[in-house]
Amino acid sequence: MRLRLALAAGFAACFVAGANAGDNYNWSGLYVGAHGGYAWGDASTTDDIKDWCVPGDTACINKYVGPFNFDLDGAFGGGTIGFNFQHSGIVLGPEAEIGYLDLTGSRRTDSSNPTKYQTLEVDGGFYAVLGGRLGVAFDNTLIYGKGGWVWWDTDATQTTTTPGFTTHGTGAYSGWAYGGGIEHALGGGWSVKAEYLHFDVDTEGGDQTRDADGYTFNNWTELDADTVKVGVNYKFGSRDEPVPLK
């Protein structure tokens, strides 16, 4: 939390400084890009107490209910499209990105049958971020904050090695993405960037269904993820003309 507040304060100071700046590079216009990077995060799966234990039986709850935590990591990549509007040193506009996020992880836990076990797993999947950027330009360098809605087509599952059960995963997650980055224009419409985003998504539920009678053993998995990426953008119609002060 302190780090986020410090970053917010730093961005606010840059915003004030850039508001009156006269910049030599014009960031306005439509742009497209490509990016790649690394992601890491945490998963926490909790089972429904009624499926396993009597309320108050702490030993049983700790062993069979959770939360069961495990790490996630992996590479990701994709493409970006957006549009910048610039007024003096202030740059803002909508941006969308889409790609594949191979953020995966797994762990084993005990099963009620001591000869069997449960496997908790998170798979990679396609993702999209729809939002916008707000930043300050210092000549051909842009420092910006970014936020918006994120959708991630992953699947968190809990599977038993005990026969006679069908696993249903959580399906896609959605929530909010926020962070920021820095972009540097190289000329001729080309620029390079580095960016950090945090994915704050909802908790989703899955289950294991007993084939004999259709009874469901419910579980819920909470995810969070951090991403860092580098990329290249191309802005159409760039003439690198100065932006007039207003």
C-alpha atoms as a PDB file:
ATOM      1  CA  MET A   1       0.000   0.000   0.000  1.00  0.00           C
ATOM      2  CA  ARG A   2       2.827   2.418   0.853  1.00  0.00           C
ATOM      3  CA  LEU A   3       4.466   1.659  -2.499  1.00  0.00           C
ATOM      4  CA  ARG A   4       1.212   2.364  -4.356  1.00  0.00           C
ATOM      5  CA  LEU A   5       0.748   5.648  -2.497  1.00  0.00           C
ATOM      6  CA  ALA A   6       4.330   6.654  -3.272  1.00  0.00           C
ATOM      7  CA  LEU A   7       3.834   5.839  -6.948  1.00  0.00           C
ATOM      8  CA  ALA A   8       0.586   7.827  -6.989  1.00  0.00           C
ATOM      9  CA  ALA A   9       2.294  10.803  -5.351  1.00  0.00           C
ATOM     10  CA  GLY A  10       5.174  10.605  -7.832  1.00  0.00           C
ATOM     11  CA  PHE A  11       2.789  10.494 -10.775  1.00  0.00           C
ATOM     12  CA  ALA A  12       0.844  13.477  -9.386  1.00  0.00           C
ATOM     13  CA  ALA A  13       4.068  15.485  -9.145  1.00  0.00           C
ATOM     14  CA  CYS A  14       4.945  14.607 -12.756  1.00  0.00           C
ATOM     15  CA  PHE A  15       1.413  15.565 -13.835  1.00  0.00           C
ATOM     16  CA  VAL A  16       1.704  19.008 -12.273  1.00  0.00           C
ATOM     17  CA  ALA A  17       5.150  19.501 -13.796  1.00  0.00           C
ATOM     18  CA  GLY A  18       4.031  18.403 -17.241  1.00  0.00           C
ATOM     19  CA  ALA A  19       0.790  20.381 -17.316  1.00  0.00           C
ATOM     20  CA  ASN A  20       2.599  23.552 -18.345  1.00  0.00           C
ATOM     21  CA  ALA A  21       5.312  21.948 -20.441  1.00  0.00           C
ATOM     22  CA  GLY A  22       5.774  22.763 -24.100  1.00  0.00           C
ATOM     23  CA  ASP A  23       6.701  19.532 -25.877  1.00  0.00           C
ATOM     24  CA  ASN A  24       8.556  19.052 -29.144  1.00  0.00           C
ATOM     25  CA  TYR A  25       6.958  15.701 -30.007  1.00  0.00           C
ATOM     26  CA  ASN A  26       3.296  15.294 -30.892  1.00  0.00           C
ATOM     27  CA  TRP A  27       1.819  12.187 -29.199  1.00  0.00           C
ATOM     28  CA  SER A  28      -1.667  12.695 -30.692  1.00  0.00           C
ATOM     29  CA  GLY A  29      -2.996  10.033 -33.016  1.00  0.00           C
ATOM     30  CA  LEU A  30      -3.866   6.377 -33.578  1.00  0.00           C
ATOM     31  CA  TYR A  31      -1.257   3.784 -32.667  1.00  0.00           C
ATOM     32  CA  VAL A  32      -0.835  -0.001 -32.672  1.00  0.00           C
ATOM     33  CA  GLY A  33       1.801  -2.123 -31.004  1.00  0.00           C
ATOM     34  CA  ALA A  34       3.077  -5.475 -29.830  1.00  0.00           C
ATOM     35  CA  HIS A  35       4.419  -6.503 -26.436  1.00  0.00           C
ATOM     36  CA  GLY A  36       5.813  -9.385 -24.417  1.00  0.00           C
ATOM     37  CA  GLY A  37       6.667  -9.909 -20.773  1.00  0.00           C
ATOM     38  CA  TYR A  38       6.559 -11.905 -17.567  1.00  0.00           C
ATOM     39  CA  ALA A  39       3.764 -12.416 -15.029  1.00  0.00           C
ATOM     40  CA  TRP A  40       3.648 -13.762 -11.505  1.00  0.00           C
ATOM     41  CA  GLY A  41       0.922 -14.154  -8.905  1.00  0.00           C
ATOM     42  CA  ASP A  42      -0.820 -16.186  -6.237  1.00  0.00           C
ATOM     43  CA  ALA A  43      -3.747 -18.595  -6.130  1.00  0.00           C
ATOM     44  CA  SER A  44      -5.724 -19.495  -3.013  1.00  0.00           C
ATOM     45  CA  THR A  45      -8.317 -22.300  -3.094  1.00  0.00           C
ATOM     46  CA  THR A  46     -10.855 -22.870  -0.310  1.00  0.00           C
ATOM     47  CA  ASP A  47     -13.284 -25.793  -0.086  1.00  0.00           C
ATOM     48  CA  ASP A  48     -16.800 -25.615   1.340  1.00  0.00           C
ATOM     49  CA  ILE A  49     -16.659 -26.660   4.992  1.00  0.00           C
ATOM     50  CA  LYS A  50     -20.002 -28.492   4.757  1.00  0.00           C
ATOM     51  CA  ASP A  51     -18.524 -30.851   2.179  1.00  0.00           C
ATOM     52  CA  TRP A  52     -15.729 -32.069   4.440  1.00  0.00           C
ATOM     53  CA  CYS A  53     -15.892 -31.157   8.137  1.00  0.00           C
ATOM     54  CA  VAL A  54     -18.078 -30.453  11.147  1.00  0.00           C
ATOM     55  CA  PRO A  55     -17.957 -26.725  12.041  1.00  0.00           C
ATOM     56  CA  GLY A  56     -15.452 -26.186  14.847  1.00  0.00           C
ATOM     57  CA  ASP A  57     -13.305 -29.215  13.968  1.00  0.00           C
ATOM     58  CA  THR A  58     -10.132 -27.161  13.446  1.00  0.00           C
ATOM     59  CA  ALA A  59      -7.898 -30.109  12.600  1.00  0.00           C
ATOM     60  CA  CYS A  60     -10.259 -31.240   9.851  1.00  0.00           C
ATOM     61  CA  ILE A  61     -10.759 -27.720   8.520  1.00  0.00           C
ATOM     62  CA  ASN A  62      -7.016 -27.046   8.307  1.00  0.00           C
ATOM     63  CA  LYS A  63      -6.411 -30.329   6.483  1.00  0.00           C
ATOM     64  CA  TYR A  64      -9.313 -30.484   4.048  1.00  0.00           C
ATOM     65  CA  VAL A  65     -10.828 -26.991   3.693  1.00  0.00           C
ATOM     66  CA  GLY A  66      -7.898 -24.582   3.235  1.00  0.00           C
ATOM     67  CA  PRO A  67      -7.130 -21.997   2.087  1.00  0.00           C
ATOM     68  CA  PHE A  68      -4.517 -23.825   0.014  1.00  0.00           C
ATOM     69  CA  ASN A  69      -2.059 -21.346  -1.493  1.00  0.00           C
ATOM     70  CA  PHE A  70       0.305 -21.772  -4.424  1.00  0.00           C
ATOM     71  CA  ASP A  71       2.394 -19.596  -6.745  1.00  0.00           C
ATOM     72  CA  LEU A  72       1.767 -18.750 -10.381  1.00  0.00           C
ATOM     73  CA  ASP A  73       4.176 -17.552 -13.052  1.00  0.00           C
ATOM     74  CA  GLY A  74       4.722 -17.511 -16.792  1.00  0.00           C
ATOM     75  CA  ALA A  75       5.282 -15.467 -19.922  1.00  0.00           C
ATOM     76  CA  PHE A  76       2.710 -13.504 -21.907  1.00  0.00           C
ATOM     77  CA  GLY A  77       2.433 -11.487 -25.087  1.00  0.00           C
ATOM     78  CA  GLY A  78      -0.029  -9.729 -27.347  1.00  0.00           C
ATOM     79  CA  GLY A  79      -0.997  -6.607 -29.224  1.00  0.00           C
ATOM     80  CA  THR A  80      -2.233  -3.089 -28.437  1.00  0.00           C
ATOM     81  CA  ILE A  81      -4.350  -0.440 -30.124  1.00  0.00           C
ATOM     82  CA  GLY A  82      -5.079   3.041 -28.816  1.00  0.00           C
ATOM     83  CA  PHE A  83      -5.520   6.721 -29.543  1.00  0.00           C
ATOM     84  CA  ASN A  84      -3.720   9.638 -27.886  1.00  0.00           C
ATOM     85  CA  PHE A  85      -5.084  13.142 -27.372  1.00  0.00           C
ATOM     86  CA  GLN A  86      -2.519  15.755 -26.348  1.00  0.00           C
ATOM     87  CA  HIS A  87      -3.023  19.181 -24.811  1.00  0.00           C
ATOM     88  CA  SER A  88       0.264  20.905 -24.054  1.00  0.00           C
ATOM     89  CA  GLY A  89       2.134  18.359 -21.903  1.00  0.00           C
ATOM     90  CA  ILE A  90      -0.936  16.256 -20.976  1.00  0.00           C
ATOM     91  CA  VAL A  91      -1.615  13.069 -22.951  1.00  0.00           C
ATOM     92  CA  LEU A  92      -4.699  10.874 -22.508  1.00  0.00           C
ATOM     93  CA  GLY A  93      -6.790   8.421 -24.469  1.00  0.00           C
ATOM     94  CA  PRO A  94      -8.371   4.975 -24.698  1.00  0.00           C
ATOM     95  CA  GLU A  95      -6.280   1.850 -25.102  1.00  0.00           C
ATOM     96  CA  ALA A  96      -7.051  -1.853 -25.543  1.00  0.00           C
ATOM     97  CA  GLU A  97      -4.702  -4.833 -25.414  1.00  0.00           C
ATOM     98  CA  ILE A  98      -5.274  -8.506 -26.094  1.00  0.00           C
ATOM     99  CA  GLY A  99      -2.986 -11.501 -25.871  1.00  0.00           C
ATOM    100  CA  TYR A 100      -2.191 -14.827 -24.252  1.00  0.00           C
ATOM    101  CA  LEU A 101      -1.254 -15.010 -20.556  1.00  0.00           C
ATOM    102  CA  ASP A 102       0.526 -18.285 -19.732  1.00  0.00           C
ATOM    103  CA  LEU A 103       0.267 -17.731 -15.956  1.00  0.00           C
ATOM    104  CA  THR A 104       0.113 -21.237 -14.476  1.00  0.00           C
ATOM    105  CA  GLY A 105       0.724 -23.170 -11.254  1.00  0.00           C
ATOM    106  CA  SER A 106      -0.405 -26.191  -9.235  1.00  0.00           C
ATOM    107  CA  ARG A 107      -0.128 -28.042  -5.912  1.00  0.00           C
ATOM    108  CA  ARG A 108      -1.337 -31.247  -4.265  1.00  0.00           C
ATOM    109  CA  THR A 109      -3.469 -31.497  -1.125  1.00  0.00           C
ATOM    110  CA  ASP A 110      -4.779 -34.354   0.990  1.00  0.00           C
ATOM    111  CA  SER A 111      -7.893 -36.282   0.063  1.00  0.00           C
ATOM    112  CA  SER A 112     -10.398 -37.803   2.485  1.00  0.00           C
ATOM    113  CA  ASN A 113      -9.200 -41.125   1.085  1.00  0.00           C
ATOM    114  CA  PRO A 114      -5.606 -41.456   2.416  1.00  0.00           C
ATOM    115  CA  THR A 115      -4.525 -43.400  -0.680  1.00  0.00           C
ATOM    116  CA  LYS A 116      -5.651 -40.558  -3.002  1.00  0.00           C
ATOM    117  CA  TYR A 117      -4.935 -36.830  -3.359  1.00  0.00           C
ATOM    118  CA  GLN A 118      -6.364 -33.606  -4.776  1.00  0.00           C
ATOM    119  CA  THR A 119      -4.642 -31.505  -7.458  1.00  0.00           C
ATOM    120  CA  LEU A 120      -5.209 -27.739  -7.539  1.00  0.00           C
ATOM    121  CA  GLU A 121      -4.284 -26.118 -10.837  1.00  0.00           C
ATOM    122  CA  VAL A 122      -4.536 -22.814 -12.725  1.00  0.00           C
ATOM    123  CA  ASP A 123      -4.205 -22.818 -16.523  1.00  0.00           C
ATOM    124  CA  GLY A 124      -3.106 -20.060 -18.894  1.00  0.00           C
ATOM    125  CA  GLY A 125      -5.529 -18.388 -21.279  1.00  0.00           C
ATOM    126  CA  PHE A 126      -6.306 -15.432 -23.494  1.00  0.00           C
ATOM    127  CA  TYR A 127      -6.736 -12.045 -21.819  1.00  0.00           C
ATOM    128  CA  ALA A 128      -7.898  -8.536 -22.680  1.00  0.00           C
ATOM    129  CA  VAL A 129      -7.592  -5.143 -21.010  1.00  0.00           C
ATOM    130  CA  LEU A 130      -9.982  -2.331 -22.017  1.00  0.00           C
ATOM    131  CA  GLY A 131      -9.177   1.019 -20.482  1.00  0.00           C
ATOM    132  CA  GLY A 132      -7.143   4.114 -20.959  1.00  0.00           C
ATOM    133  CA  ARG A 133      -3.959   6.037 -20.199  1.00  0.00           C
ATOM    134  CA  LEU A 134      -3.308   9.436 -18.657  1.00  0.00           C
ATOM    135  CA  GLY A 135       0.198  10.818 -18.672  1.00  0.00           C
ATOM    136  CA  VAL A 136       2.591  13.703 -18.975  1.00  0.00           C
ATOM    137  CA  ALA A 137       4.988  14.209 -21.882  1.00  0.00           C
ATOM    138  CA  PHE A 138       8.487  15.559 -21.529  1.00  0.00           C
ATOM    139  CA  ASP A 139       9.541  16.102 -25.145  1.00  0.00           C
ATOM    140  CA  ASN A 140       9.578  12.578 -26.648  1.00  0.00           C
ATOM    141  CA  THR A 141       9.209  10.724 -23.321  1.00  0.00           C
ATOM    142  CA  LEU A 142       5.772   9.921 -21.892  1.00  0.00           C
ATOM    143  CA  ILE A 143       5.181   8.866 -18.271  1.00  0.00           C
ATOM    144  CA  TYR A 144       1.663   7.515 -17.775  1.00  0.00           C
ATOM    145  CA  GLY A 145      -0.796   5.762 -15.533  1.00  0.00           C
ATOM    146  CA  LYS A 146      -3.119   3.114 -16.957  1.00  0.00           C
ATOM    147  CA  GLY A 147      -6.310   1.455 -15.742  1.00  0.00           C
ATOM    148  CA  GLY A 148      -9.347  -0.423 -16.952  1.00  0.00           C
ATOM    149  CA  TRP A 149     -11.341  -3.644 -17.030  1.00  0.00           C
ATOM    150  CA  VAL A 150      -9.522  -6.964 -17.434  1.00  0.00           C
ATOM    151  CA  TRP A 151     -10.878 -10.311 -18.641  1.00  0.00           C
ATOM    152  CA  TRP A 152      -8.805 -13.493 -18.340  1.00  0.00           C
ATOM    153  CA  ASP A 153      -9.986 -16.765 -19.872  1.00  0.00           C
ATOM    154  CA  THR A 154      -8.210 -19.042 -17.394  1.00  0.00           C
ATOM    155  CA  ASP A 155      -9.555 -22.063 -15.516  1.00  0.00           C
ATOM    156  CA  ALA A 156      -8.861 -22.948 -11.866  1.00  0.00           C
ATOM    157  CA  THR A 157      -9.658 -26.574 -11.045  1.00  0.00           C
ATOM    158  CA  GLN A 158      -9.581 -28.982  -8.115  1.00  0.00           C
ATOM    159  CA  THR A 159      -9.373 -32.599  -9.257  1.00  0.00           C
ATOM    160  CA  THR A 160      -9.359 -35.779  -7.174  1.00  0.00           C
ATOM    161  CA  THR A 161      -7.631 -39.043  -8.061  1.00  0.00           C
ATOM    162  CA  THR A 162     -10.584 -40.856  -6.486  1.00  0.00           C
ATOM    163  CA  PRO A 163     -12.610 -42.354  -9.357  1.00  0.00           C
ATOM    164  CA  GLY A 164     -16.249 -41.447  -9.923  1.00  0.00           C
ATOM    165  CA  PHE A 165     -15.990 -37.646  -9.877  1.00  0.00           C
ATOM    166  CA  THR A 166     -16.303 -35.036 -12.640  1.00  0.00           C
ATOM    167  CA  THR A 167     -14.387 -31.755 -12.260  1.00  0.00           C
ATOM    168  CA  HIS A 168     -15.896 -28.386 -13.185  1.00  0.00           C
ATOM    169  CA  GLY A 169     -13.464 -25.452 -13.236  1.00  0.00           C
ATOM    170  CA  THR A 170     -14.058 -21.813 -12.498  1.00  0.00           C
ATOM    171  CA  GLY A 171     -13.949 -20.549 -16.069  1.00  0.00           C
ATOM    172  CA  ALA A 172     -12.962 -16.979 -16.932  1.00  0.00           C
ATOM    173  CA  TYR A 173     -12.108 -14.272 -14.418  1.00  0.00           C
ATOM    174  CA  SER A 174     -12.725 -10.529 -14.705  1.00  0.00           C
ATOM    175  CA  GLY A 175     -11.945  -7.446 -12.653  1.00  0.00           C
ATOM    176  CA  TRP A 176      -9.714  -4.395 -12.746  1.00  0.00           C
ATOM    177  CA  ALA A 177      -6.212  -3.724 -14.048  1.00  0.00           C
ATOM    178  CA  TYR A 178      -4.101  -0.750 -13.009  1.00  0.00           C
ATOM    179  CA  GLY A 179      -0.501   0.385 -13.164  1.00  0.00           C
ATOM    180  CA  GLY A 180       1.651   2.573 -15.339  1.00  0.00           C
ATOM    181  CA  GLY A 181       4.649   2.846 -17.564  1.00  0.00           C
ATOM    182  CA  ILE A 182       7.041   4.909 -19.609  1.00  0.00           C
ATOM    183  CA  GLU A 183       7.159   5.288 -23.402  1.00  0.00           C
ATOM    184  CA  HIS A 184       9.904   6.882 -25.483  1.00  0.00           C
ATOM    185  CA  ALA A 185       9.418   8.062 -29.066  1.00  0.00           C
ATOM    186  CA  LEU A 186      12.217   7.141 -31.469  1.00  0.00           C
ATOM    187  CA  GLY A 187      10.959   9.166 -34.423  1.00  0.00           C
ATOM    188  CA  GLY A 188       9.122   8.244 -37.588  1.00  0.00           C
ATOM    189  CA  GLY A 189       6.099   7.131 -35.569  1.00  0.00           C
ATOM    190  CA  TRP A 190       7.984   4.420 -33.644  1.00  0.00           C
ATOM    191  CA  SER A 191       8.267   4.234 -29.877  1.00  0.00           C
ATOM    192  CA  VAL A 192       9.305   1.736 -27.206  1.00  0.00           C
ATOM    193  CA  LYS A 193       7.713   1.243 -23.800  1.00  0.00           C
ATOM    194  CA  ALA A 194       7.983  -0.559 -20.472  1.00  0.00           C
ATOM    195  CA  GLU A 195       4.849  -1.105 -18.379  1.00  0.00           C
ATOM    196  CA  TYR A 196       3.628  -2.658 -15.117  1.00  0.00           C
ATOM    197  CA  LEU A 197       0.011  -3.754 -14.510  1.00  0.00           C
ATOM    198  CA  HIS A 198      -1.676  -5.401 -11.536  1.00  0.00           C
ATOM    199  CA  PHE A 199      -4.711  -7.613 -12.195  1.00  0.00           C
ATOM    200  CA  ASP A 200      -7.268  -7.464  -9.370  1.00  0.00           C
ATOM    201  CA  VAL A 201      -9.853 -10.078 -10.383  1.00  0.00           C
ATOM    202  CA  ASP A 202     -12.911 -11.617  -8.693  1.00  0.00           C
ATOM    203  CA  THR A 203     -13.006 -14.917  -6.783  1.00  0.00           C
ATOM    204  CA  GLU A 204     -14.676 -17.673  -8.829  1.00  0.00           C
ATOM    205  CA  GLY A 205     -16.160 -21.046  -7.903  1.00  0.00           C
ATOM    206  CA  GLY A 206     -15.842 -24.598  -9.218  1.00  0.00           C
ATOM    207  CA  ASP A 207     -16.772 -28.058  -7.992  1.00  0.00           C
ATOM    208  CA  GLN A 208     -16.298 -31.795  -8.154  1.00  0.00           C
ATOM    209  CA  THR A 209     -19.532 -33.661  -8.929  1.00  0.00           C
ATOM    210  CA  ARG A 210     -20.021 -37.221  -7.684  1.00  0.00           C
ATOM    211  CA  ASP A 211     -21.191 -39.223 -10.678  1.00  0.00           C
ATOM    212  CA  ALA A 212     -23.273 -41.678  -8.633  1.00  0.00           C
ATOM    213  CA  ASP A 213     -25.726 -39.138  -7.214  1.00  0.00           C
ATOM    214  CA  GLY A 214     -24.808 -35.711  -8.642  1.00  0.00           C
ATOM    215  CA  TYR A 215     -23.675 -34.262  -5.301  1.00  0.00           C
ATOM    216  CA  THR A 216     -21.283 -31.322  -5.726  1.00  0.00           C
ATOM    217  CA  PHE A 217     -18.238 -30.587  -3.570  1.00  0.00           C
ATOM    218  CA  ASN A 218     -17.747 -26.834  -3.969  1.00  0.00           C
ATOM    219  CA  ASN A 219     -14.523 -24.854  -4.073  1.00  0.00           C
ATOM    220  CA  TRP A 220     -13.525 -21.230  -4.648  1.00  0.00           C
ATOM    221  CA  THR A 221     -10.236 -19.895  -6.043  1.00  0.00           C
ATOM    222  CA  GLU A 222      -8.945 -16.365  -5.549  1.00  0.00           C
ATOM    223  CA  LEU A 223      -6.266 -15.100  -7.962  1.00  0.00           C
ATOM    224  CA  ASP A 224      -4.083 -12.061  -8.224  1.00  0.00           C
ATOM    225  CA  ALA A 225      -1.385 -11.273 -10.763  1.00  0.00           C
ATOM    226  CA  ASP A 226       1.346  -8.758 -11.508  1.00  0.00           C
ATOM    227  CA  THR A 227       2.716  -8.221 -15.010  1.00  0.00           C
ATOM    228  CA  VAL A 228       5.690  -6.424 -16.505  1.00  0.00           C
ATOM    229  CA  LYS A 229       6.154  -5.997 -20.230  1.00  0.00           C
ATOM    230  CA  VAL A 230       8.167  -4.260 -22.882  1.00  0.00           C
ATOM    231  CA  GLY A 231       6.787  -3.330 -26.254  1.00  0.00           C
ATOM    232  CA  VAL A 232       6.966  -1.300 -29.416  1.00  0.00           C
ATOM    233  CA  ASN A 233       4.275   1.029 -30.801  1.00  0.00           C
ATOM    234  CA  TYR A 234       3.753   2.653 -34.182  1.00  0.00           C
ATOM    235  CA  LYS A 235       1.735   5.893 -34.430  1.00  0.00           C
ATOM    236  CA  PHE A 236       0.058   6.520 -37.781  1.00  0.00           C
ATOM    237  CA  GLY A 237       0.419   9.813 -39.598  1.00  0.00           C
ATOM    238  CA  SER A 238       3.288  10.962 -37.419  1.00  0.00           C
ATOM    239  CA  ARG A 239       5.147  14.013 -38.662  1.00  0.00           C
ATOM    240  CA  ASP A 240       6.889  14.693 -35.343  1.00  0.00           C
ATOM    241  CA  GLU A 241       5.640  18.275 -35.466  1.00  0.00           C
ATOM    242  CA  PRO A 242       5.796  20.446 -32.309  1.00  0.00           C
ATOM    243  CA  VAL A 243       2.663  20.701 -30.185  1.00  0.00           C
ATOM    244  CA  PRO A 244       1.638  24.366 -29.848  1.00  0.00           C
ATOM    245  CA  LEU A 245       1.165  25.803 -26.377  1.00  0.00           C
ATOM    246  CA  LYS A 246      -2.405  26.726 -25.537  1.00  0.00           C
END
